[in-house]
């Protein structure tokens, strides 16, 4: 009876957050202080990225990166980049569920921390905080899957 219970537990799906951490943060103000005197409203460009890599057997690192580039004309006001990481234990999931878990579920957990890190970094630099919008990671994942499917196979 005990052996059967152990075998059943061994096959049970596991999804646990091990840690969420700020992996990387950088901020550049290449045109300060002159650009800070400008009265114009800067343009803001925000780019997001998600990457997942194995860290150990059944353990994965999922990182969400935000790059915020503000400019007045062709001059940079500031360029901020933050990479928020999460370490997740993911075991005994069917292969067809691994992509959605790492491309949707994990980024949804990490992203609120990234939003706070970006706002804090930019505020500490002396600027009003930039609040990243909510992201629909499912739509983003599905779009990436569609793009990969449409890409010519080499």
N, C-alpha and C. Protein backbone atom coordinates (compact mmCIF):
# COMPACT_ATOMS: atom_id res chain seq x y z
N UNK A 1 0.82 -1.19 0.00
CA UNK A 1 0.00 0.00 0.00
C UNK A 1 0.87 1.26 0.00
N UNK A 2 1.93 1.23 0.75
CA UNK A 2 2.81 2.40 0.84
C UNK A 2 3.50 2.67 -0.50
N UNK A 3 3.94 1.61 -1.17
CA UNK A 3 4.61 1.78 -2.46
C UNK A 3 3.70 2.44 -3.49
N UNK A 4 2.45 2.06 -3.52
CA UNK A 4 1.49 2.65 -4.46
C UNK A 4 1.31 4.13 -4.16
N UNK A 5 1.22 4.50 -2.89
CA UNK A 5 1.05 5.91 -2.51
C UNK A 5 2.26 6.72 -2.95
N UNK A 6 3.45 6.16 -2.76
CA UNK A 6 4.67 6.85 -3.15
C UNK A 6 4.70 7.05 -4.66
N UNK A 7 4.37 6.01 -5.43
CA UNK A 7 4.38 6.11 -6.88
C UNK A 7 3.38 7.14 -7.38
N UNK A 8 2.20 7.20 -6.77
CA UNK A 8 1.20 8.18 -7.16
C UNK A 8 1.70 9.59 -6.89
N UNK A 9 2.32 9.80 -5.73
CA UNK A 9 2.86 11.12 -5.40
C UNK A 9 3.97 11.52 -6.36
N UNK A 10 4.79 10.58 -6.76
CA UNK A 10 5.90 10.88 -7.66
C UNK A 10 5.41 11.43 -8.99
N UNK A 11 4.21 11.06 -9.41
CA UNK A 11 3.68 11.52 -10.69
C UNK A 11 2.79 12.75 -10.56
N UNK A 12 2.55 13.19 -9.34
CA UNK A 12 1.70 14.36 -9.14
C UNK A 12 2.38 15.60 -9.71
N UNK A 13 1.64 16.44 -10.43
CA UNK A 13 2.23 17.67 -10.95
C UNK A 13 2.72 18.57 -9.82
N UNK A 14 3.86 19.20 -10.04
CA UNK A 14 4.45 20.12 -9.06
C UNK A 14 4.66 21.47 -9.74
N UNK A 15 4.18 22.52 -9.09
CA UNK A 15 4.44 23.89 -9.54
C UNK A 15 4.65 24.74 -8.30
N UNK A 16 5.89 25.13 -8.05
CA UNK A 16 6.21 25.92 -6.86
C UNK A 16 7.13 27.07 -7.23
N UNK A 17 6.88 28.20 -6.60
CA UNK A 17 7.77 29.35 -6.75
C UNK A 17 8.90 29.17 -5.74
N UNK A 18 10.12 29.14 -6.22
CA UNK A 18 11.27 29.03 -5.31
C UNK A 18 11.73 30.42 -4.87
N UNK A 19 11.73 31.38 -5.83
CA UNK A 19 12.23 32.71 -5.52
C UNK A 19 11.89 33.66 -6.65
N UNK A 20 11.63 34.91 -6.30
CA UNK A 20 11.48 35.99 -7.28
C UNK A 20 12.53 37.03 -6.91
N UNK A 21 13.29 37.50 -7.90
CA UNK A 21 14.41 38.40 -7.60
C UNK A 21 14.67 39.35 -8.76
N UNK A 22 15.29 40.48 -8.44
CA UNK A 22 15.71 41.44 -9.45
C UNK A 22 17.07 40.98 -9.96
N UNK A 23 17.11 40.52 -11.19
CA UNK A 23 18.34 39.96 -11.75
C UNK A 23 19.26 41.05 -12.29
N UNK A 24 18.66 42.08 -12.87
CA UNK A 24 19.48 43.11 -13.51
C UNK A 24 18.71 44.42 -13.52
N UNK A 25 19.40 45.52 -13.30
CA UNK A 25 18.77 46.84 -13.41
C UNK A 25 19.83 47.83 -13.88
N UNK A 26 19.46 48.66 -14.84
CA UNK A 26 20.38 49.71 -15.28
C UNK A 26 19.58 50.94 -15.66
N UNK A 27 20.23 52.09 -15.47
CA UNK A 27 19.61 53.35 -15.84
C UNK A 27 20.70 54.27 -16.37
N UNK A 28 20.42 54.87 -17.51
CA UNK A 28 21.37 55.81 -18.11
C UNK A 28 20.66 57.13 -18.36
N UNK A 29 21.36 58.21 -18.06
CA UNK A 29 20.89 59.56 -18.38
C UNK A 29 22.01 60.26 -19.15
N UNK A 30 22.23 59.89 -20.40
CA UNK A 30 23.42 60.38 -21.13
C UNK A 30 23.42 61.88 -21.40
N UNK A 31 22.26 62.53 -21.40
CA UNK A 31 22.21 63.95 -21.74
C UNK A 31 21.90 64.84 -20.54
N UNK A 32 22.06 64.29 -19.34
CA UNK A 32 21.85 65.10 -18.14
C UNK A 32 23.08 65.96 -17.89
N UNK A 33 22.96 67.12 -17.34
CA UNK A 33 21.75 67.74 -16.83
C UNK A 33 20.98 68.57 -17.86
N UNK A 34 21.56 68.83 -19.03
CA UNK A 34 20.94 69.74 -20.00
C UNK A 34 19.52 69.29 -20.38
N UNK A 35 19.33 68.01 -20.58
CA UNK A 35 18.02 67.51 -21.03
C UNK A 35 16.95 67.70 -19.95
N UNK A 36 17.37 67.77 -18.69
CA UNK A 36 16.43 67.92 -17.58
C UNK A 36 15.80 69.31 -17.54
N UNK A 37 16.40 70.25 -18.21
CA UNK A 37 15.89 71.62 -18.23
C UNK A 37 14.81 71.78 -19.30
N UNK A 38 14.78 70.85 -20.26
CA UNK A 38 13.80 70.91 -21.35
C UNK A 38 12.38 70.90 -20.79
N UNK A 39 11.51 71.66 -21.42
CA UNK A 39 10.12 71.74 -20.97
C UNK A 39 9.19 70.82 -21.77
N UNK A 40 9.70 70.25 -22.84
CA UNK A 40 8.87 69.40 -23.68
C UNK A 40 8.54 68.08 -22.98
N UNK A 41 7.41 67.50 -23.37
CA UNK A 41 7.02 66.19 -22.86
C UNK A 41 7.81 65.13 -23.64
N UNK A 42 8.48 64.23 -22.95
CA UNK A 42 9.25 63.21 -23.69
C UNK A 42 8.35 62.13 -24.26
N UNK A 43 8.84 61.49 -25.32
CA UNK A 43 8.15 60.30 -25.83
C UNK A 43 8.68 59.10 -25.05
N UNK A 44 7.81 58.12 -24.84
CA UNK A 44 8.18 56.95 -24.05
C UNK A 44 7.96 55.70 -24.89
N UNK A 45 9.00 54.88 -25.00
CA UNK A 45 8.92 53.61 -25.71
C UNK A 45 9.21 52.51 -24.70
N UNK A 46 8.30 51.54 -24.59
CA UNK A 46 8.46 50.44 -23.64
C UNK A 46 8.46 49.12 -24.41
N UNK A 47 9.50 48.33 -24.18
CA UNK A 47 9.63 47.02 -24.80
C UNK A 47 9.65 45.96 -23.69
N UNK A 48 8.94 44.86 -23.90
CA UNK A 48 8.93 43.77 -22.93
C UNK A 48 9.42 42.49 -23.58
N UNK A 49 10.05 41.66 -22.78
CA UNK A 49 10.50 40.36 -23.26
C UNK A 49 10.37 39.31 -22.17
N UNK A 50 10.18 38.07 -22.58
CA UNK A 50 10.07 36.95 -21.66
C UNK A 50 11.03 35.86 -22.13
N UNK A 51 11.77 35.29 -21.20
CA UNK A 51 12.64 34.16 -21.54
C UNK A 51 12.60 33.13 -20.43
N UNK A 52 12.67 31.88 -20.80
CA UNK A 52 12.65 30.78 -19.83
C UNK A 52 13.81 29.85 -20.14
N UNK A 53 14.56 29.49 -19.10
CA UNK A 53 15.69 28.59 -19.27
C UNK A 53 15.74 27.58 -18.13
N UNK A 54 16.15 26.36 -18.44
CA UNK A 54 16.30 25.36 -17.37
C UNK A 54 17.45 25.78 -16.45
N UNK A 55 17.25 25.61 -15.15
CA UNK A 55 18.30 25.92 -14.17
C UNK A 55 18.85 24.64 -13.55
N UNK A 56 18.02 23.64 -13.42
CA UNK A 56 18.40 22.33 -12.88
C UNK A 56 17.29 21.37 -13.28
N UNK A 57 17.40 20.13 -12.89
CA UNK A 57 16.36 19.14 -13.21
C UNK A 57 15.04 19.55 -12.58
N UNK A 58 14.04 19.87 -13.41
CA UNK A 58 12.72 20.26 -12.90
C UNK A 58 12.65 21.66 -12.35
N UNK A 59 13.71 22.45 -12.53
CA UNK A 59 13.76 23.83 -12.02
C UNK A 59 14.07 24.76 -13.19
N UNK A 60 13.29 25.83 -13.30
CA UNK A 60 13.42 26.75 -14.42
C UNK A 60 13.50 28.18 -13.94
N UNK A 61 14.28 28.98 -14.68
CA UNK A 61 14.32 30.42 -14.44
C UNK A 61 13.49 31.07 -15.53
N UNK A 62 12.55 31.90 -15.11
CA UNK A 62 11.74 32.67 -16.06
C UNK A 62 12.01 34.14 -15.77
N UNK A 63 12.44 34.87 -16.79
CA UNK A 63 12.75 36.30 -16.63
C UNK A 63 11.83 37.13 -17.51
N UNK A 64 11.38 38.25 -16.97
CA UNK A 64 10.63 39.23 -17.73
C UNK A 64 11.46 40.50 -17.71
N UNK A 65 11.72 41.05 -18.89
CA UNK A 65 12.55 42.24 -19.03
C UNK A 65 11.72 43.40 -19.57
N UNK A 66 11.92 44.57 -18.99
CA UNK A 66 11.29 45.80 -19.50
C UNK A 66 12.39 46.80 -19.81
N UNK A 67 12.29 47.39 -21.00
CA UNK A 67 13.20 48.46 -21.40
C UNK A 67 12.35 49.70 -21.64
N UNK A 68 12.65 50.76 -20.91
CA UNK A 68 11.91 52.02 -21.02
C UNK A 68 12.88 53.07 -21.56
N UNK A 69 12.59 53.58 -22.76
CA UNK A 69 13.44 54.58 -23.40
C UNK A 69 12.63 55.85 -23.59
N UNK A 70 13.03 56.93 -22.93
CA UNK A 70 12.33 58.21 -23.09
C UNK A 70 13.25 59.17 -23.83
N UNK A 71 12.64 59.91 -24.76
CA UNK A 71 13.41 60.84 -25.59
C UNK A 71 12.67 62.16 -25.73
N UNK A 72 13.43 63.19 -25.93
CA UNK A 72 12.90 64.48 -26.38
C UNK A 72 13.60 64.73 -27.71
N UNK A 73 12.81 64.71 -28.77
CA UNK A 73 13.41 64.79 -30.10
C UNK A 73 14.23 63.53 -30.32
N UNK A 74 15.51 63.71 -30.69
CA UNK A 74 16.37 62.55 -30.89
C UNK A 74 17.33 62.33 -29.73
N UNK A 75 17.11 63.08 -28.62
CA UNK A 75 18.00 62.95 -27.46
C UNK A 75 17.34 62.13 -26.36
N UNK A 76 18.10 61.20 -25.82
CA UNK A 76 17.61 60.35 -24.74
C UNK A 76 17.52 61.14 -23.44
N UNK A 77 16.36 61.05 -22.78
CA UNK A 77 16.20 61.59 -21.44
C UNK A 77 16.73 60.54 -20.47
N UNK A 78 16.17 59.34 -20.53
CA UNK A 78 16.73 58.22 -19.78
C UNK A 78 16.39 56.91 -20.47
N UNK A 79 17.23 55.94 -20.20
CA UNK A 79 17.04 54.59 -20.68
C UNK A 79 17.15 53.68 -19.47
N UNK A 80 16.05 53.00 -19.14
CA UNK A 80 16.03 52.11 -17.98
C UNK A 80 15.72 50.69 -18.45
N UNK A 81 16.43 49.74 -17.85
CA UNK A 81 16.15 48.35 -18.15
C UNK A 81 16.18 47.55 -16.85
N UNK A 82 15.14 46.77 -16.66
CA UNK A 82 15.08 45.88 -15.50
C UNK A 82 14.74 44.48 -15.98
N UNK A 83 15.40 43.52 -15.37
CA UNK A 83 15.12 42.11 -15.64
C UNK A 83 14.76 41.46 -14.30
N UNK A 84 13.52 41.04 -14.19
CA UNK A 84 13.02 40.39 -12.98
C UNK A 84 12.99 38.90 -13.24
N UNK A 85 13.57 38.13 -12.35
CA UNK A 85 13.64 36.69 -12.53
C UNK A 85 12.80 35.95 -11.50
N UNK A 86 12.42 34.77 -11.86
CA UNK A 86 11.75 33.87 -10.94
C UNK A 86 12.29 32.48 -11.13
N UNK A 87 12.44 31.75 -10.04
CA UNK A 87 12.86 30.37 -10.11
C UNK A 87 11.65 29.52 -9.72
N UNK A 88 11.31 28.61 -10.61
CA UNK A 88 10.10 27.79 -10.44
C UNK A 88 10.46 26.31 -10.52
N UNK A 89 9.91 25.55 -9.59
CA UNK A 89 10.02 24.10 -9.68
C UNK A 89 8.78 23.61 -10.43
N UNK A 90 9.01 22.97 -11.56
CA UNK A 90 7.91 22.48 -12.40
C UNK A 90 8.24 21.04 -12.77
N UNK A 91 7.43 20.12 -12.26
CA UNK A 91 7.69 18.70 -12.51
C UNK A 91 6.39 17.98 -12.87
N UNK A 92 6.54 16.91 -13.62
CA UNK A 92 5.44 15.99 -13.93
C UNK A 92 4.28 16.66 -14.67
N UNK A 93 4.60 17.64 -15.50
CA UNK A 93 3.57 18.24 -16.34
C UNK A 93 3.70 17.65 -17.74
N UNK A 94 2.59 17.44 -18.42
CA UNK A 94 2.69 17.00 -19.82
C UNK A 94 3.45 18.04 -20.65
N UNK A 95 4.20 17.57 -21.64
CA UNK A 95 5.01 18.46 -22.47
C UNK A 95 4.20 19.60 -23.08
N UNK A 96 2.94 19.30 -23.48
CA UNK A 96 2.13 20.34 -24.12
C UNK A 96 1.70 21.43 -23.15
N UNK A 97 1.88 21.22 -21.85
CA UNK A 97 1.54 22.25 -20.86
C UNK A 97 2.74 23.06 -20.40
N UNK A 98 3.95 22.58 -20.67
CA UNK A 98 5.15 23.29 -20.22
C UNK A 98 5.28 24.67 -20.85
N UNK A 99 5.05 24.78 -22.15
CA UNK A 99 5.15 26.08 -22.83
C UNK A 99 4.21 27.11 -22.24
N UNK A 100 2.91 26.80 -22.14
CA UNK A 100 1.99 27.77 -21.54
C UNK A 100 2.32 28.11 -20.08
N UNK A 101 2.77 27.13 -19.30
CA UNK A 101 3.11 27.43 -17.90
C UNK A 101 4.28 28.42 -17.85
N UNK A 102 5.33 28.16 -18.65
CA UNK A 102 6.50 29.05 -18.61
C UNK A 102 6.29 30.34 -19.40
N UNK A 103 5.39 30.33 -20.36
CA UNK A 103 5.15 31.53 -21.16
C UNK A 103 4.00 32.39 -20.68
N UNK A 104 3.14 31.84 -19.80
CA UNK A 104 1.98 32.60 -19.32
C UNK A 104 1.95 32.66 -17.79
N UNK A 105 1.88 31.49 -17.14
CA UNK A 105 1.72 31.46 -15.68
C UNK A 105 2.91 32.08 -14.94
N UNK A 106 4.11 31.67 -15.30
CA UNK A 106 5.29 32.20 -14.61
C UNK A 106 5.48 33.70 -14.83
N UNK A 107 5.40 34.20 -16.07
CA UNK A 107 5.53 35.65 -16.25
C UNK A 107 4.45 36.45 -15.50
N UNK A 108 3.24 35.90 -15.38
CA UNK A 108 2.19 36.61 -14.64
C UNK A 108 2.56 36.75 -13.16
N UNK A 109 3.30 35.81 -12.63
CA UNK A 109 3.73 35.88 -11.23
C UNK A 109 4.88 36.89 -11.08
N UNK A 110 5.81 36.88 -12.02
CA UNK A 110 7.00 37.74 -11.94
C UNK A 110 6.70 39.20 -12.27
N UNK A 111 5.77 39.43 -13.19
CA UNK A 111 5.53 40.78 -13.73
C UNK A 111 5.19 41.85 -12.70
N UNK A 112 4.36 41.59 -11.70
CA UNK A 112 4.09 42.66 -10.72
C UNK A 112 5.36 43.15 -10.01
N UNK A 113 6.29 42.25 -9.77
CA UNK A 113 7.56 42.63 -9.15
C UNK A 113 8.37 43.50 -10.12
N UNK A 114 8.33 43.15 -11.41
CA UNK A 114 9.03 43.94 -12.42
C UNK A 114 8.44 45.35 -12.48
N UNK A 115 7.13 45.47 -12.46
CA UNK A 115 6.47 46.78 -12.50
C UNK A 115 6.95 47.66 -11.35
N UNK A 116 7.03 47.07 -10.16
CA UNK A 116 7.48 47.83 -8.98
C UNK A 116 8.95 48.21 -9.11
N UNK A 117 9.77 47.31 -9.62
CA UNK A 117 11.20 47.60 -9.79
C UNK A 117 11.43 48.74 -10.77
N UNK A 118 10.71 48.71 -11.89
CA UNK A 118 10.84 49.77 -12.90
C UNK A 118 10.41 51.12 -12.33
N UNK A 119 9.25 51.16 -11.70
CA UNK A 119 8.75 52.42 -11.12
C UNK A 119 9.72 52.95 -10.07
N UNK A 120 10.26 52.07 -9.23
CA UNK A 120 11.19 52.49 -8.18
C UNK A 120 12.49 53.01 -8.77
N UNK A 121 13.05 52.31 -9.75
CA UNK A 121 14.31 52.73 -10.37
C UNK A 121 14.17 54.12 -11.00
N UNK A 122 13.09 54.33 -11.74
CA UNK A 122 12.89 55.60 -12.43
C UNK A 122 12.63 56.72 -11.43
N UNK A 123 11.88 56.44 -10.37
CA UNK A 123 11.63 57.44 -9.32
C UNK A 123 12.93 57.82 -8.63
N UNK A 124 13.76 56.84 -8.33
CA UNK A 124 15.05 57.11 -7.67
C UNK A 124 15.98 57.91 -8.55
N UNK A 125 15.76 57.87 -9.87
CA UNK A 125 16.57 58.65 -10.80
C UNK A 125 16.09 60.10 -10.88
N UNK A 126 14.98 60.41 -10.19
CA UNK A 126 14.51 61.79 -10.16
C UNK A 126 13.40 62.08 -11.15
N UNK A 127 12.81 61.06 -11.72
CA UNK A 127 11.74 61.25 -12.69
C UNK A 127 10.42 60.77 -12.11
N UNK A 128 9.32 61.25 -12.67
CA UNK A 128 8.03 60.67 -12.27
C UNK A 128 8.03 59.18 -12.65
N UNK A 129 7.41 58.34 -11.84
CA UNK A 129 7.46 56.91 -12.14
C UNK A 129 6.74 56.58 -13.44
N UNK A 130 7.26 55.58 -14.12
CA UNK A 130 6.60 55.03 -15.29
C UNK A 130 5.91 53.76 -14.80
N UNK A 131 4.60 53.72 -14.93
CA UNK A 131 3.85 52.55 -14.50
C UNK A 131 3.55 51.69 -15.72
N UNK A 132 4.12 50.51 -15.74
CA UNK A 132 3.89 49.59 -16.85
C UNK A 132 2.45 49.10 -16.81
N UNK A 133 1.84 49.03 -17.96
CA UNK A 133 0.45 48.58 -18.06
C UNK A 133 0.36 47.09 -17.75
N UNK A 134 -0.85 46.66 -17.40
CA UNK A 134 -1.09 45.23 -17.23
C UNK A 134 -0.86 44.55 -18.58
N UNK A 135 -0.38 43.34 -18.54
CA UNK A 135 -0.08 42.59 -19.76
C UNK A 135 -0.91 41.30 -19.77
N UNK A 136 -1.47 40.99 -20.92
CA UNK A 136 -2.16 39.72 -21.11
C UNK A 136 -1.12 38.75 -21.67
N UNK A 137 -0.48 38.00 -20.76
CA UNK A 137 0.58 37.10 -21.18
C UNK A 137 0.06 35.95 -22.04
N UNK A 138 -1.21 35.60 -21.87
CA UNK A 138 -1.76 34.54 -22.71
C UNK A 138 -1.82 35.01 -24.16
N UNK A 139 -2.30 36.23 -24.39
CA UNK A 139 -2.36 36.77 -25.75
C UNK A 139 -0.96 36.92 -26.33
N UNK A 140 -0.01 37.37 -25.51
CA UNK A 140 1.36 37.54 -25.96
C UNK A 140 1.97 36.18 -26.34
N UNK A 141 1.72 35.16 -25.54
CA UNK A 141 2.23 33.82 -25.80
C UNK A 141 1.62 33.25 -27.09
N UNK A 142 0.31 33.42 -27.24
CA UNK A 142 -0.37 32.91 -28.43
C UNK A 142 0.13 33.61 -29.70
N UNK A 143 0.40 34.90 -29.59
CA UNK A 143 0.93 35.65 -30.74
C UNK A 143 2.33 35.13 -31.11
N UNK A 144 3.17 34.88 -30.10
CA UNK A 144 4.52 34.35 -30.37
C UNK A 144 4.44 32.97 -31.00
N UNK A 145 3.51 32.14 -30.53
CA UNK A 145 3.35 30.81 -31.10
C UNK A 145 2.91 30.89 -32.56
N UNK A 146 1.99 31.81 -32.85
CA UNK A 146 1.51 31.99 -34.22
C UNK A 146 2.65 32.47 -35.13
N UNK A 147 3.49 33.38 -34.61
CA UNK A 147 4.62 33.90 -35.40
C UNK A 147 5.63 32.79 -35.68
N UNK A 148 5.87 31.95 -34.67
CA UNK A 148 6.82 30.84 -34.86
C UNK A 148 6.28 29.83 -35.87
N UNK A 149 4.98 29.58 -35.82
CA UNK A 149 4.36 28.63 -36.74
C UNK A 149 4.40 29.16 -38.17
N UNK A 150 4.27 30.48 -38.32
CA UNK A 150 4.26 31.09 -39.65
C UNK A 150 5.66 31.30 -40.22
N UNK A 151 6.68 31.27 -39.35
CA UNK A 151 8.06 31.48 -39.81
C UNK A 151 8.49 30.31 -40.69
N UNK A 152 9.23 30.61 -41.74
CA UNK A 152 9.69 29.52 -42.62
C UNK A 152 10.64 28.60 -41.86
N UNK A 153 10.46 27.31 -42.04
CA UNK A 153 11.32 26.32 -41.38
C UNK A 153 12.62 26.20 -42.16
N UNK A 154 13.73 26.15 -41.44
CA UNK A 154 15.03 26.07 -42.13
C UNK A 154 15.66 24.72 -41.92
